[in-house]
Amino acid sequence: MSDTNIADFPHSASVAASQDAPHDVGGVAGARLKSFIERVERLEEEKTALAEDIKEIMAEAKSTGFDVKTIRKIIRLRKMDTEKRREEDELLELYKAAIGMPD
């Protein structure tokens, strides 16, 4: 076997050259899978950038005297359906009354 050269193995050169290239393995479409992964990675990068932008806006609001915790609560409430928000408010009032917590 010492006289055998890597060139004598036809698959060895192509495997070494295409290790980074996606290919189908065990019924898994490599190129399609890689495409999904890369799309998610790009979105994760965008999400990180957006989170930084939101952080900067909140810092700006705080520096002008606004309460960031209250702003976040308002944003959460604005996302909610009116009926869901009403239900949450009623439940909160009920629980407060049950423990004797004044308004």
C-alpha atoms as a PDB file:
ATOM      1  CA  MET A   1       0.000   0.000   0.000  1.00  0.00           C
ATOM      2  CA  SER A   2       3.000   2.305   0.360  1.00  0.00           C
ATOM      3  CA  ASP A   3       3.210   2.541  -3.431  1.00  0.00           C
ATOM      4  CA  THR A   4      -0.391   3.781  -3.616  1.00  0.00           C
ATOM      5  CA  ASN A   5      -0.826   7.466  -4.335  1.00  0.00           C
ATOM      6  CA  ILE A   6      -3.819   9.606  -3.349  1.00  0.00           C
ATOM      7  CA  ALA A   7      -4.380  10.200  -7.062  1.00  0.00           C
ATOM      8  CA  ASP A   8      -5.155   6.483  -7.349  1.00  0.00           C
ATOM      9  CA  PHE A   9      -8.340   7.088  -5.322  1.00  0.00           C
ATOM     10  CA  PRO A  10     -10.783   8.972  -7.527  1.00  0.00           C
ATOM     11  CA  HIS A  11     -13.097   9.970  -4.675  1.00  0.00           C
ATOM     12  CA  SER A  12     -10.399  11.357  -2.396  1.00  0.00           C
ATOM     13  CA  ALA A  13      -9.586  14.406  -4.493  1.00  0.00           C
ATOM     14  CA  SER A  14     -13.226  15.308  -5.128  1.00  0.00           C
ATOM     15  CA  VAL A  15     -14.152  14.853  -1.453  1.00  0.00           C
ATOM     16  CA  ALA A  16     -11.282  17.083  -0.337  1.00  0.00           C
ATOM     17  CA  ALA A  17     -12.186  19.738  -2.898  1.00  0.00           C
ATOM     18  CA  SER A  18     -15.896  19.754  -2.072  1.00  0.00           C
ATOM     19  CA  GLN A  19     -15.931  19.488   1.712  1.00  0.00           C
ATOM     20  CA  ASP A  20     -17.303  23.038   2.050  1.00  0.00           C
ATOM     21  CA  ALA A  21     -19.802  22.708  -0.778  1.00  0.00           C
ATOM     22  CA  PRO A  22     -23.248  21.534   0.344  1.00  0.00           C
ATOM     23  CA  HIS A  23     -24.453  18.225  -0.989  1.00  0.00           C
ATOM     24  CA  ASP A  24     -27.274  15.776  -0.400  1.00  0.00           C
ATOM     25  CA  VAL A  25     -26.609  13.289   2.374  1.00  0.00           C
ATOM     26  CA  GLY A  26     -29.051  10.714   3.649  1.00  0.00           C
ATOM     27  CA  GLY A  27     -31.999  12.356   1.945  1.00  0.00           C
ATOM     28  CA  VAL A  28     -31.105  15.819   3.274  1.00  0.00           C
ATOM     29  CA  ALA A  29     -30.811  18.487   0.578  1.00  0.00           C
ATOM     30  CA  GLY A  30     -27.588  20.210   1.601  1.00  0.00           C
ATOM     31  CA  ALA A  31     -27.951  23.339  -0.540  1.00  0.00           C
ATOM     32  CA  ARG A  32     -31.518  23.940   0.634  1.00  0.00           C
ATOM     33  CA  LEU A  33     -30.593  23.357   4.280  1.00  0.00           C
ATOM     34  CA  LYS A  34     -27.653  25.747   3.980  1.00  0.00           C
ATOM     35  CA  SER A  35     -29.965  28.349   2.430  1.00  0.00           C
ATOM     36  CA  PHE A  36     -32.355  28.121   5.394  1.00  0.00           C
ATOM     37  CA  ILE A  37     -29.509  28.410   7.876  1.00  0.00           C
ATOM     38  CA  GLU A  38     -27.993  31.424   6.115  1.00  0.00           C
ATOM     39  CA  ARG A  39     -31.389  33.172   5.961  1.00  0.00           C
ATOM     40  CA  VAL A  40     -31.895  32.680   9.693  1.00  0.00           C
ATOM     41  CA  GLU A  41     -28.362  33.918  10.389  1.00  0.00           C
ATOM     42  CA  ARG A  42     -29.031  37.102   8.388  1.00  0.00           C
ATOM     43  CA  LEU A  43     -32.270  37.674  10.281  1.00  0.00           C
ATOM     44  CA  GLU A  44     -30.495  37.112  13.598  1.00  0.00           C
ATOM     45  CA  GLU A  45     -27.982  39.812  12.595  1.00  0.00           C
ATOM     46  CA  GLU A  46     -30.843  42.170  11.702  1.00  0.00           C
ATOM     47  CA  LYS A  47     -32.576  41.366  14.995  1.00  0.00           C
ATOM     48  CA  THR A  48     -29.405  42.231  16.909  1.00  0.00           C
ATOM     49  CA  ALA A  49     -29.094  45.523  15.037  1.00  0.00           C
ATOM     50  CA  LEU A  50     -32.759  46.352  15.717  1.00  0.00           C
ATOM     51  CA  ALA A  51     -32.343  45.534  19.415  1.00  0.00           C
ATOM     52  CA  GLU A  52     -29.427  47.976  19.548  1.00  0.00           C
ATOM     53  CA  ASP A  53     -31.555  50.650  17.852  1.00  0.00           C
ATOM     54  CA  ILE A  54     -34.364  50.114  20.373  1.00  0.00           C
ATOM     55  CA  LYS A  55     -31.868  50.308  23.226  1.00  0.00           C
ATOM     56  CA  GLU A  56     -30.594  53.648  21.895  1.00  0.00           C
ATOM     57  CA  ILE A  57     -34.143  55.031  21.569  1.00  0.00           C
ATOM     58  CA  MET A  58     -34.966  53.971  25.118  1.00  0.00           C
ATOM     59  CA  ALA A  59     -31.772  55.599  26.394  1.00  0.00           C
ATOM     60  CA  GLU A  60     -32.735  58.791  24.581  1.00  0.00           C
ATOM     61  CA  ALA A  61     -36.246  58.692  26.076  1.00  0.00           C
ATOM     62  CA  LYS A  62     -34.776  58.122  29.534  1.00  0.00           C
ATOM     63  CA  SER A  63     -32.339  61.011  29.120  1.00  0.00           C
ATOM     64  CA  THR A  64     -35.267  63.335  28.375  1.00  0.00           C
ATOM     65  CA  GLY A  65     -37.047  62.271  31.566  1.00  0.00           C
ATOM     66  CA  PHE A  66     -39.412  59.510  30.438  1.00  0.00           C
ATOM     67  CA  ASP A  67     -39.783  56.303  32.445  1.00  0.00           C
ATOM     68  CA  VAL A  68     -38.585  53.491  30.183  1.00  0.00           C
ATOM     69  CA  LYS A  69     -40.370  50.767  32.153  1.00  0.00           C
ATOM     70  CA  THR A  70     -43.690  52.552  31.602  1.00  0.00           C
ATOM     71  CA  ILE A  71     -42.943  53.057  27.902  1.00  0.00           C
ATOM     72  CA  ARG A  72     -42.273  49.316  27.548  1.00  0.00           C
ATOM     73  CA  LYS A  73     -45.554  48.545  29.310  1.00  0.00           C
ATOM     74  CA  ILE A  74     -47.467  50.882  26.986  1.00  0.00           C
ATOM     75  CA  ILE A  75     -45.858  49.231  23.960  1.00  0.00           C
ATOM     76  CA  ARG A  76     -46.872  45.805  25.289  1.00  0.00           C
ATOM     77  CA  LEU A  77     -50.434  47.015  25.906  1.00  0.00           C
ATOM     78  CA  ARG A  78     -50.717  48.578  22.431  1.00  0.00           C
ATOM     79  CA  LYS A  79     -49.812  45.212  20.890  1.00  0.00           C
ATOM     80  CA  MET A  80     -52.659  43.502  22.746  1.00  0.00           C
ATOM     81  CA  ASP A  81     -56.162  43.041  21.427  1.00  0.00           C
ATOM     82  CA  THR A  82     -58.618  45.435  23.140  1.00  0.00           C
ATOM     83  CA  GLU A  83     -60.634  42.584  24.639  1.00  0.00           C
ATOM     84  CA  LYS A  84     -57.517  40.820  25.902  1.00  0.00           C
ATOM     85  CA  ARG A  85     -56.300  44.061  27.480  1.00  0.00           C
ATOM     86  CA  ARG A  86     -59.697  44.638  29.131  1.00  0.00           C
ATOM     87  CA  GLU A  87     -59.671  41.075  30.475  1.00  0.00           C
ATOM     88  CA  GLU A  88     -56.172  41.543  31.901  1.00  0.00           C
ATOM     89  CA  ASP A  89     -57.179  44.850  33.552  1.00  0.00           C
ATOM     90  CA  GLU A  90     -60.280  43.266  35.116  1.00  0.00           C
ATOM     91  CA  LEU A  91     -58.265  40.327  36.422  1.00  0.00           C
ATOM     92  CA  LEU A  92     -55.668  42.680  37.882  1.00  0.00           C
ATOM     93  CA  GLU A  93     -58.396  44.702  39.630  1.00  0.00           C
ATOM     94  CA  LEU A  94     -59.988  41.486  40.952  1.00  0.00           C
ATOM     95  CA  TYR A  95     -56.679  40.229  42.353  1.00  0.00           C
ATOM     96  CA  LYS A  96     -55.897  43.613  43.924  1.00  0.00           C
ATOM     97  CA  ALA A  97     -59.328  43.673  45.588  1.00  0.00           C
ATOM     98  CA  ALA A  98     -58.864  40.095  46.801  1.00  0.00           C
ATOM     99  CA  ILE A  99     -55.691  41.011  48.678  1.00  0.00           C
ATOM    100  CA  GLY A 100     -57.051  44.308  49.919  1.00  0.00           C
ATOM    101  CA  MET A 101     -54.725  46.427  47.834  1.00  0.00           C
ATOM    102  CA  PRO A 102     -56.042  49.978  47.397  1.00  0.00           C
ATOM    103  CA  ASP A 103     -56.084  51.682  43.991  1.00  0.00           C
END
